Amino acid sequence: MMTRFLGIAMIAASLAIAAPALAQNMSGSGPVATACQQDIEKLCAGKEHGQGAVRACLETNKGSVSAACANALDSTGAGRRP
Protein backbone atom coordinates (compact mmCIF):
# COMPACT_ATOMS: atom_id res chain seq x y z
CA MET A 1 0.00 0.00 0.00
CA MET A 2 2.82 2.42 0.90
CA THR A 3 4.63 1.63 -2.37
CA ARG A 4 1.52 2.47 -4.38
CA PHE A 5 1.15 5.76 -2.50
CA LEU A 6 4.80 6.66 -3.15
CA GLY A 7 4.40 5.85 -6.84
CA ILE A 8 1.33 8.06 -7.14
CA ALA A 9 3.07 10.85 -5.22
CA MET A 10 6.08 10.67 -7.56
CA ILE A 11 3.87 10.84 -10.65
CA ALA A 12 1.98 13.82 -9.23
CA ALA A 13 5.23 15.63 -8.42
CA SER A 14 6.57 14.97 -11.93
CA LEU A 15 3.42 16.35 -13.50
CA ALA A 16 3.54 19.44 -11.30
CA ILE A 17 7.10 20.11 -12.42
CA ALA A 18 6.42 19.48 -16.11
CA ALA A 19 3.08 21.31 -16.32
CA PRO A 20 4.44 24.84 -16.99
CA ALA A 21 6.62 23.62 -19.87
CA LEU A 22 3.78 21.60 -21.34
CA ALA A 23 1.39 24.52 -21.06
CA GLN A 24 3.83 26.84 -22.83
CA ASN A 25 4.28 24.42 -25.72
CA MET A 26 0.57 23.78 -26.04
CA SER A 27 -0.41 27.44 -25.89
CA GLY A 28 1.95 28.50 -28.64
CA SER A 29 3.71 31.11 -26.54
CA GLY A 30 7.31 30.02 -27.07
CA PRO A 31 9.96 32.10 -28.86
CA VAL A 32 9.03 30.90 -32.35
CA ALA A 33 5.30 31.43 -31.80
CA THR A 34 5.98 34.92 -30.47
CA ALA A 35 8.49 36.04 -33.11
CA CYS A 36 6.70 34.34 -36.01
CA GLN A 37 3.08 35.15 -35.25
CA GLN A 38 2.50 37.23 -38.41
CA ASP A 39 4.50 34.81 -40.56
CA ILE A 40 2.43 31.90 -39.24
CA GLU A 41 -0.80 33.74 -40.08
CA LYS A 42 0.47 34.64 -43.55
CA LEU A 43 2.35 31.49 -44.58
CA CYS A 44 1.08 28.64 -42.42
CA ALA A 45 -2.59 29.30 -41.73
CA GLY A 46 -4.49 26.09 -41.13
CA LYS A 47 -1.51 24.07 -39.90
CA GLU A 48 -2.21 22.14 -36.71
CA HIS A 49 -0.33 23.49 -33.69
CA GLY A 50 1.49 21.10 -31.40
CA GLN A 51 2.44 18.47 -33.97
CA GLY A 52 5.43 20.22 -35.56
CA ALA A 53 3.50 21.17 -38.69
CA VAL A 54 3.76 24.91 -38.06
CA ARG A 55 7.51 24.80 -37.46
CA ALA A 56 8.00 22.60 -40.53
CA CYS A 57 6.00 25.12 -42.57
CA LEU A 58 8.11 27.99 -41.26
CA GLU A 59 11.34 26.10 -41.98
CA THR A 60 10.13 25.36 -45.52
CA ASN A 61 9.33 29.05 -46.03
CA LYS A 62 12.37 30.35 -44.14
CA GLY A 63 13.39 32.61 -47.05
CA SER A 64 10.07 34.45 -46.76
CA VAL A 65 9.81 34.91 -42.98
CA SER A 66 10.79 38.01 -41.03
CA ALA A 67 14.31 38.39 -39.66
CA ALA A 68 13.04 37.97 -36.08
CA CYS A 69 11.26 34.76 -37.03
CA ALA A 70 14.31 33.37 -38.84
CA ASN A 71 16.43 34.16 -35.77
CA ALA A 72 13.94 32.37 -33.50
CA LEU A 73 13.98 29.33 -35.78
CA ASP A 74 17.80 29.31 -35.82
CA SER A 75 18.14 29.67 -32.04
CA THR A 76 15.55 27.10 -30.93
CA GLY A 77 14.63 23.54 -31.70
CA ALA A 78 16.11 20.15 -31.03
CA GLY A 79 19.32 20.59 -29.08
CA ARG A 80 19.19 24.39 -29.26
CA ARG A 81 16.59 25.27 -26.64
CA PRO A 82 17.74 27.92 -24.18
PDB file of N, CA and C in Angstrom:
ATOM      1  N   MET A   1       0.831  -1.187   0.000  1.00  0.00           N
ATOM      2  CA  MET A   1       0.000   0.000   0.000  1.00  0.00           C
ATOM      3  C   MET A   1       0.880   1.258   0.000  1.00  0.00           C
ATOM      4  N   MET A   2       1.926   1.265   0.822  1.00  0.00           N
ATOM      5  CA  MET A   2       2.815   2.423   0.899  1.00  0.00           C
ATOM      6  C   MET A   2       3.555   2.621  -0.426  1.00  0.00           C
ATOM      7  N   THR A   3       3.935   1.541  -1.090  1.00  0.00           N
ATOM      8  CA  THR A   3       4.627   1.635  -2.371  1.00  0.00           C
ATOM      9  C   THR A   3       3.725   2.273  -3.420  1.00  0.00           C
ATOM     10  N   ARG A   4       2.477   1.899  -3.432  1.00  0.00           N
ATOM     11  CA  ARG A   4       1.523   2.474  -4.378  1.00  0.00           C
ATOM     12  C   ARG A   4       1.367   3.971  -4.116  1.00  0.00           C
ATOM     13  N   PHE A   5       1.271   4.349  -2.862  1.00  0.00           N
ATOM     14  CA  PHE A   5       1.146   5.762  -2.501  1.00  0.00           C
ATOM     15  C   PHE A   5       2.373   6.542  -2.964  1.00  0.00           C
ATOM     16  N   LEU A   6       3.569   5.977  -2.729  1.00  0.00           N
ATOM     17  CA  LEU A   6       4.795   6.664  -3.153  1.00  0.00           C
ATOM     18  C   LEU A   6       4.850   6.803  -4.669  1.00  0.00           C
ATOM     19  N   GLY A   7       4.417   5.778  -5.376  1.00  0.00           N
ATOM     20  CA  GLY A   7       4.397   5.848  -6.837  1.00  0.00           C
ATOM     21  C   GLY A   7       3.478   6.943  -7.333  1.00  0.00           C
ATOM     22  N   ILE A   8       2.290   7.018  -6.752  1.00  0.00           N
ATOM     23  CA  ILE A   8       1.329   8.058  -7.135  1.00  0.00           C
ATOM     24  C   ILE A   8       1.869   9.439  -6.785  1.00  0.00           C
ATOM     25  N   ALA A   9       2.498   9.566  -5.630  1.00  0.00           N
ATOM     26  CA  ALA A   9       3.071  10.848  -5.221  1.00  0.00           C
ATOM     27  C   ALA A   9       4.179  11.276  -6.180  1.00  0.00           C
ATOM     28  N   MET A  10       4.999  10.338  -6.632  1.00  0.00           N
ATOM     29  CA  MET A  10       6.085  10.670  -7.562  1.00  0.00           C
ATOM     30  C   MET A  10       5.527  11.115  -8.913  1.00  0.00           C
ATOM     31  N   ILE A  11       4.491  10.452  -9.380  1.00  0.00           N
ATOM     32  CA  ILE A  11       3.870  10.840 -10.647  1.00  0.00           C
ATOM     33  C   ILE A  11       3.265  12.239 -10.529  1.00  0.00           C
ATOM     34  N   ALA A  12       2.577  12.501  -9.436  1.00  0.00           N
ATOM     35  CA  ALA A  12       1.975  13.815  -9.227  1.00  0.00           C
ATOM     36  C   ALA A  12       3.041  14.907  -9.184  1.00  0.00           C
ATOM     37  N   ALA A  13       4.148  14.642  -8.500  1.00  0.00           N
ATOM     38  CA  ALA A  13       5.231  15.626  -8.418  1.00  0.00           C
ATOM     39  C   ALA A  13       5.840  15.870  -9.796  1.00  0.00           C
ATOM     40  N   SER A  14       6.014  14.820 -10.579  1.00  0.00           N
ATOM     41  CA  SER A  14       6.566  14.965 -11.926  1.00  0.00           C
ATOM     42  C   SER A  14       5.656  15.809 -12.801  1.00  0.00           C
ATOM     43  N   LEU A  15       4.359  15.568 -12.708  1.00  0.00           N
ATOM     44  CA  LEU A  15       3.417  16.354 -13.500  1.00  0.00           C
ATOM     45  C   LEU A  15       3.406  17.813 -13.077  1.00  0.00           C
ATOM     46  N   ALA A  16       3.523  18.067 -11.799  1.00  0.00           N
ATOM     47  CA  ALA A  16       3.540  19.443 -11.302  1.00  0.00           C
ATOM     48  C   ALA A  16       4.765  20.185 -11.814  1.00  0.00           C
ATOM     49  N   ILE A  17       5.871  19.490 -11.918  1.00  0.00           N
ATOM     50  CA  ILE A  17       7.105  20.110 -12.418  1.00  0.00           C
ATOM     51  C   ILE A  17       7.013  20.342 -13.919  1.00  0.00           C
ATOM     52  N   ALA A  18       6.460  19.393 -14.656  1.00  0.00           N
ATOM     53  CA  ALA A  18       6.415  19.475 -16.114  1.00  0.00           C
ATOM     54  C   ALA A  18       5.277  20.347 -16.632  1.00  0.00           C
ATOM     55  N   ALA A  19       4.267  20.604 -15.849  1.00  0.00           N
ATOM     56  CA  ALA A  19       3.079  21.315 -16.321  1.00  0.00           C
ATOM     57  C   ALA A  19       3.372  22.677 -16.954  1.00  0.00           C
ATOM     58  N   PRO A  20       4.201  23.534 -16.355  1.00  0.00           N
ATOM     59  CA  PRO A  20       4.437  24.837 -16.994  1.00  0.00           C
ATOM     60  C   PRO A  20       5.057  24.715 -18.382  1.00  0.00           C
ATOM     61  N   ALA A  21       6.001  23.807 -18.557  1.00  0.00           N
ATOM     62  CA  ALA A  21       6.625  23.625 -19.869  1.00  0.00           C
ATOM     63  C   ALA A  21       5.614  23.082 -20.874  1.00  0.00           C
ATOM     64  N   LEU A  22       4.800  22.141 -20.450  1.00  0.00           N
ATOM     65  CA  LEU A  22       3.777  21.598 -21.337  1.00  0.00           C
ATOM     66  C   LEU A  22       2.769  22.669 -21.717  1.00  0.00           C
ATOM     67  N   ALA A  23       2.367  23.467 -20.777  1.00  0.00           N
ATOM     68  CA  ALA A  23       1.392  24.519 -21.062  1.00  0.00           C
ATOM     69  C   ALA A  23       1.959  25.527 -22.051  1.00  0.00           C
ATOM     70  N   GLN A  24       3.225  25.881 -21.911  1.00  0.00           N
ATOM     71  CA  GLN A  24       3.826  26.841 -22.830  1.00  0.00           C
ATOM     72  C   GLN A  24       3.840  26.275 -24.240  1.00  0.00           C
ATOM     73  N   ASN A  25       4.235  25.020 -24.399  1.00  0.00           N
ATOM     74  CA  ASN A  25       4.283  24.416 -25.720  1.00  0.00           C
ATOM     75  C   ASN A  25       2.899  24.292 -26.334  1.00  0.00           C
ATOM     76  N   MET A  26       1.904  23.973 -25.527  1.00  0.00           N
ATOM     77  CA  MET A  26       0.565  23.785 -26.036  1.00  0.00           C
ATOM     78  C   MET A  26      -0.105  25.112 -26.351  1.00  0.00           C
ATOM     79  N   SER A  27       0.261  26.160 -25.669  1.00  0.00           N
ATOM     80  CA  SER A  27      -0.407  27.437 -25.886  1.00  0.00           C
ATOM     81  C   SER A  27       0.193  28.224 -27.033  1.00  0.00           C
ATOM     82  N   GLY A  28       1.327  27.772 -27.554  1.00  0.00           N
ATOM     83  CA  GLY A  28       1.953  28.500 -28.642  1.00  0.00           C
ATOM     84  C   GLY A  28       2.530  29.817 -28.204  1.00  0.00           C
ATOM     85  N   SER A  29       3.157  29.860 -27.036  1.00  0.00           N
ATOM     86  CA  SER A  29       3.709  31.114 -26.540  1.00  0.00           C
ATOM     87  C   SER A  29       5.226  31.064 -26.420  1.00  0.00           C
ATOM     88  N   GLY A  30       5.860  30.118 -27.088  1.00  0.00           N
ATOM     89  CA  GLY A  30       7.314  30.024 -27.069  1.00  0.00           C
ATOM     90  C   GLY A  30       7.936  31.071 -27.974  1.00  0.00           C
ATOM     91  N   PRO A  31       9.263  31.071 -28.071  1.00  0.00           N
ATOM     92  CA  PRO A  31       9.957  32.099 -28.858  1.00  0.00           C
ATOM     93  C   PRO A  31       9.578  32.107 -30.340  1.00  0.00           C
ATOM     94  N   VAL A  32       9.399  30.932 -30.932  1.00  0.00           N
ATOM     95  CA  VAL A  32       9.025  30.896 -32.348  1.00  0.00           C
ATOM     96  C   VAL A  32       7.599  31.413 -32.533  1.00  0.00           C
ATOM     97  N   ALA A  33       6.688  30.966 -31.694  1.00  0.00           N
ATOM     98  CA  ALA A  33       5.297  31.431 -31.802  1.00  0.00           C
ATOM     99  C   ALA A  33       5.214  32.938 -31.630  1.00  0.00           C
ATOM    100  N   THR A  34       6.005  33.483 -30.718  1.00  0.00           N
ATOM    101  CA  THR A  34       5.982  34.925 -30.470  1.00  0.00           C
ATOM    102  C   THR A  34       6.587  35.699 -31.632  1.00  0.00           C
ATOM    103  N   ALA A  35       7.782  35.302 -32.063  1.00  0.00           N
ATOM    104  CA  ALA A  35       8.488  36.036 -33.115  1.00  0.00           C
ATOM    105  C   ALA A  35       7.875  35.825 -34.491  1.00  0.00           C
ATOM    106  N   CYS A  36       7.200  34.702 -34.683  1.00  0.00           N
ATOM    107  CA  CYS A  36       6.704  34.343 -36.013  1.00  0.00           C
ATOM    108  C   CYS A  36       5.196  34.470 -36.171  1.00  0.00           C
ATOM    109  N   GLN A  37       4.536  35.110 -35.240  1.00  0.00           N
ATOM    110  CA  GLN A  37       3.075  35.155 -35.252  1.00  0.00           C
ATOM    111  C   GLN A  37       2.521  35.613 -36.602  1.00  0.00           C
ATOM    112  N   GLN A  38       3.013  36.718 -37.126  1.00  0.00           N
ATOM    113  CA  GLN A  38       2.502  37.235 -38.406  1.00  0.00           C
ATOM    114  C   GLN A  38       2.873  36.312 -39.564  1.00  0.00           C
ATOM    115  N   ASP A  39       4.078  35.739 -39.507  1.00  0.00           N
ATOM    116  CA  ASP A  39       4.500  34.814 -40.555  1.00  0.00           C
ATOM    117  C   ASP A  39       3.640  33.554 -40.549  1.00  0.00           C
ATOM    118  N   ILE A  40       3.291  33.080 -39.357  1.00  0.00           N
ATOM    119  CA  ILE A  40       2.426  31.900 -39.241  1.00  0.00           C
ATOM    120  C   ILE A  40       1.066  32.199 -39.859  1.00  0.00           C
ATOM    121  N   GLU A  41       0.505  33.364 -39.535  1.00  0.00           N
ATOM    122  CA  GLU A  41      -0.800  33.740 -40.080  1.00  0.00           C
ATOM    123  C   GLU A  41      -0.757  33.865 -41.599  1.00  0.00           C
ATOM    124  N   LYS A  42       0.347  34.396 -42.110  1.00  0.00           N
ATOM    125  CA  LYS A  42       0.466  34.644 -43.549  1.00  0.00           C
ATOM    126  C   LYS A  42       0.840  33.372 -44.324  1.00  0.00           C
ATOM    127  N   LEU A  43       1.788  32.599 -43.814  1.00  0.00           N
ATOM    128  CA  LEU A  43       2.346  31.490 -44.583  1.00  0.00           C
ATOM    129  C   LEU A  43       1.840  30.106 -44.178  1.00  0.00           C
ATOM    130  N   CYS A  44       1.373  29.970 -42.942  1.00  0.00           N
ATOM    131  CA  CYS A  44       1.076  28.640 -42.416  1.00  0.00           C
ATOM    132  C   CYS A  44      -0.316  28.521 -41.813  1.00  0.00           C
ATOM    133  N   ALA A  45      -1.225  29.351 -42.251  1.00  0.00           N
ATOM    134  CA  ALA A  45      -2.590  29.297 -41.728  1.00  0.00           C
ATOM    135  C   ALA A  45      -3.171  27.912 -41.974  1.00  0.00           C
ATOM    136  N   GLY A  46      -3.857  27.391 -40.996  1.00  0.00           N
ATOM    137  CA  GLY A  46      -4.489  26.094 -41.128  1.00  0.00           C
ATOM    138  C   GLY A  46      -3.637  24.918 -40.683  1.00  0.00           C
ATOM    139  N   LYS A  47      -2.364  25.149 -40.389  1.00  0.00           N
ATOM    140  CA  LYS A  47      -1.507  24.068 -39.902  1.00  0.00           C
ATOM    141  C   LYS A  47      -1.841  23.797 -38.444  1.00  0.00           C
ATOM    142  N   GLU A  48      -1.853  22.523 -38.066  1.00  0.00           N
ATOM    143  CA  GLU A  48      -2.209  22.141 -36.707  1.00  0.00           C
ATOM    144  C   GLU A  48      -1.055  22.421 -35.753  1.00  0.00           C
ATOM    145  N   HIS A  49      -1.330  23.164 -34.699  1.00  0.00           N
ATOM    146  CA  HIS A  49      -0.330  23.485 -33.691  1.00  0.00           C
ATOM    147  C   HIS A  49      -0.065  22.270 -32.821  1.00  0.00           C
ATOM    148  N   GLY A  50       1.152  22.150 -32.341  1.00  0.00           N
ATOM    149  CA  GLY A  50       1.492  21.099 -31.397  1.00  0.00           C
ATOM    150  C   GLY A  50       1.987  19.815 -32.028  1.00  0.00           C
ATOM    151  N   GLN A  51       1.975  19.695 -33.334  1.00  0.00           N
ATOM    152  CA  GLN A  51       2.442  18.469 -33.975  1.00  0.00           C
ATOM    153  C   GLN A  51       3.674  18.713 -34.846  1.00  0.00           C
ATOM    154  N   GLY A  52       4.245  19.904 -34.773  1.00  0.00           N
ATOM    155  CA  GLY A  52       5.432  20.221 -35.557  1.00  0.00           C
ATOM    156  C   GLY A  52       5.129  20.731 -36.954  1.00  0.00           C
ATOM    157  N   ALA A  53       3.862  20.750 -37.336  1.00  0.00           N
ATOM    158  CA  ALA A  53       3.500  21.172 -38.690  1.00  0.00           C
ATOM    159  C   ALA A  53       3.782  22.650 -38.919  1.00  0.00           C
ATOM    160  N   VAL A  54       3.541  23.475 -37.909  1.00  0.00           N
ATOM    161  CA  VAL A  54       3.764  24.914 -38.065  1.00  0.00           C
ATOM    162  C   VAL A  54       5.257  25.189 -38.209  1.00  0.00           C
ATOM    163  N   ARG A  55       6.064  24.586 -37.360  1.00  0.00           N
ATOM    164  CA  ARG A  55       7.513  24.802 -37.462  1.00  0.00           C
ATOM    165  C   ARG A  55       8.041  24.296 -38.799  1.00  0.00           C
ATOM    166  N   ALA A  56       7.575  23.141 -39.236  1.00  0.00           N
ATOM    167  CA  ALA A  56       8.003  22.604 -40.533  1.00  0.00           C
ATOM    168  C   ALA A  56       7.632  23.561 -41.654  1.00  0.00           C
ATOM    169  N   CYS A  57       6.435  24.137 -41.576  1.00  0.00           N
ATOM    170  CA  CYS A  57       5.998  25.116 -42.566  1.00  0.00           C
ATOM    171  C   CYS A  57       6.914  26.341 -42.561  1.00  0.00           C
ATOM    172  N   LEU A  58       7.220  26.828 -41.367  1.00  0.00           N
ATOM    173  CA  LEU A  58       8.107  27.993 -41.260  1.00  0.00           C
ATOM    174  C   LEU A  58       9.500  27.680 -41.800  1.00  0.00           C
ATOM    175  N   GLU A  59      10.019  26.503 -41.472  1.00  0.00           N
ATOM    176  CA  GLU A  59      11.341  26.104 -41.975  1.00  0.00           C
ATOM    177  C   GLU A  59      11.331  26.017 -43.502  1.00  0.00           C
ATOM    178  N   THR A  60      10.256  25.469 -44.059  1.00  0.00           N
ATOM    179  CA  THR A  60      10.134  25.361 -45.517  1.00  0.00           C
ATOM    180  C   THR A  60      10.102  26.737 -46.170  1.00  0.00           C
ATOM    181  N   ASN A  61       9.472  27.692 -45.501  1.00  0.00           N
ATOM    182  CA  ASN A  61       9.329  29.055 -46.032  1.00  0.00           C
ATOM    183  C   ASN A  61      10.320  30.035 -45.405  1.00  0.00           C
ATOM    184  N   LYS A  62      11.432  29.528 -44.904  1.00  0.00           N
ATOM    185  CA  LYS A  62      12.375  30.355 -44.143  1.00  0.00           C
ATOM    186  C   LYS A  62      12.855  31.574 -44.926  1.00  0.00           C
ATOM    187  N   GLY A  63      12.956  31.483 -46.230  1.00  0.00           N
ATOM    188  CA  GLY A  63      13.387  32.613 -47.046  1.00  0.00           C
ATOM    189  C   GLY A  63      12.370  33.737 -47.104  1.00  0.00           C
ATOM    190  N   SER A  64      11.140  33.453 -46.697  1.00  0.00           N
ATOM    191  CA  SER A  64      10.070  34.449 -46.755  1.00  0.00           C
ATOM    192  C   SER A  64       9.664  35.001 -45.399  1.00  0.00           C
ATOM    193  N   VAL A  65      10.222  34.450 -44.309  1.00  0.00           N
ATOM    194  CA  VAL A  65       9.811  34.908 -42.977  1.00  0.00           C
ATOM    195  C   VAL A  65      10.601  36.146 -42.563  1.00  0.00           C
ATOM    196  N   SER A  66      10.108  36.825 -41.541  1.00  0.00           N
ATOM    197  CA  SER A  66      10.785  38.014 -41.027  1.00  0.00           C
ATOM    198  C   SER A  66      12.135  37.633 -40.411  1.00  0.00           C
ATOM    199  N   ALA A  67      12.997  38.629 -40.252  1.00  0.00           N
ATOM    200  CA  ALA A  67      14.309  38.385 -39.659  1.00  0.00           C
ATOM    201  C   ALA A  67      14.186  37.870 -38.227  1.00  0.00           C
ATOM    202  N   ALA A  68      13.242  38.413 -37.462  1.00  0.00           N
ATOM    203  CA  ALA A  68      13.044  37.970 -36.083  1.00  0.00           C
ATOM    204  C   ALA A  68      12.593  36.513 -36.038  1.00  0.00           C
ATOM    205  N   CYS A  69      11.737  36.139 -36.962  1.00  0.00           N
ATOM    206  CA  CYS A  69      11.256  34.763 -37.025  1.00  0.00           C
ATOM    207  C   CYS A  69      12.398  33.822 -37.419  1.00  0.00           C
ATOM    208  N   ALA A  70      13.171  34.199 -38.416  1.00  0.00           N
ATOM    209  CA  ALA A  70      14.311  33.370 -38.835  1.00  0.00           C
ATOM    210  C   ALA A  70      15.294  33.186 -37.682  1.00  0.00           C
ATOM    211  N   ASN A  71      15.531  34.242 -36.919  1.00  0.00           N
ATOM    212  CA  ASN A  71      16.426  34.156 -35.769  1.00  0.00           C
ATOM    213  C   ASN A  71      15.868  33.202 -34.718  1.00  0.00           C
ATOM    214  N   ALA A  72      14.563  33.269 -34.469  1.00  0.00           N
ATOM    215  CA  ALA A  72      13.940  32.366 -33.497  1.00  0.00           C
ATOM    216  C   ALA A  72      14.038  30.924 -33.964  1.00  0.00           C
ATOM    217  N   LEU A  73      13.855  30.684 -35.247  1.00  0.00           N
ATOM    218  CA  LEU A  73      13.981  29.331 -35.781  1.00  0.00           C
ATOM    219  C   LEU A  73      15.411  28.817 -35.642  1.00  0.00           C
ATOM    220  N   ASP A  74      16.387  29.704 -35.905  1.00  0.00           N
ATOM    221  CA  ASP A  74      17.797  29.312 -35.824  1.00  0.00           C
ATOM    222  C   ASP A  74      18.258  29.065 -34.390  1.00  0.00           C
ATOM    223  N   SER A  75      17.649  29.746 -33.427  1.00  0.00           N
ATOM    224  CA  SER A  75      18.144  29.666 -32.045  1.00  0.00           C
ATOM    225  C   SER A  75      17.336  28.729 -31.159  1.00  0.00           C
ATOM    226  N   THR A  76      16.346  28.049 -31.715  1.00  0.00           N
ATOM    227  CA  THR A  76      15.546  27.097 -30.928  1.00  0.00           C
ATOM    228  C   THR A  76      15.420  25.798 -31.706  1.00  0.00           C
ATOM    229  N   GLY A  77      14.842  24.825 -31.057  1.00  0.00           N
ATOM    230  CA  GLY A  77      14.627  23.544 -31.701  1.00  0.00           C
ATOM    231  C   GLY A  77      15.432  22.464 -31.023  1.00  0.00           C
ATOM    232  N   ALA A  78      15.441  21.309 -31.618  1.00  0.00           N
ATOM    233  CA  ALA A  78      16.113  20.154 -31.031  1.00  0.00           C
ATOM    234  C   ALA A  78      17.582  20.452 -30.739  1.00  0.00           C
ATOM    235  N   GLY A  79      17.933  20.366 -29.479  1.00  0.00           N
ATOM    236  CA  GLY A  79      19.321  20.592 -29.078  1.00  0.00           C
ATOM    237  C   GLY A  79      19.727  22.037 -28.977  1.00  0.00           C
ATOM    238  N   ARG A  80      18.828  22.974 -29.295  1.00  0.00           N
ATOM    239  CA  ARG A  80      19.186  24.387 -29.257  1.00  0.00           C
ATOM    240  C   ARG A  80      18.329  25.188 -28.313  1.00  0.00           C
ATOM    241  N   ARG A  81      17.469  24.532 -27.559  1.00  0.00           N
ATOM    242  CA  ARG A  81      16.587  25.273 -26.643  1.00  0.00           C
ATOM    243  C   ARG A  81      17.398  25.948 -25.561  1.00  0.00           C
ATOM    244  N   PRO A  82      16.999  27.198 -25.222  1.00  0.00           N
ATOM    245  CA  PRO A  82      17.741  27.915 -24.178  1.00  0.00           C
ATOM    246  C   PRO A  82      17.533  27.295 -22.815  1.00  0.00           C
TER     247      PRO A  82
END
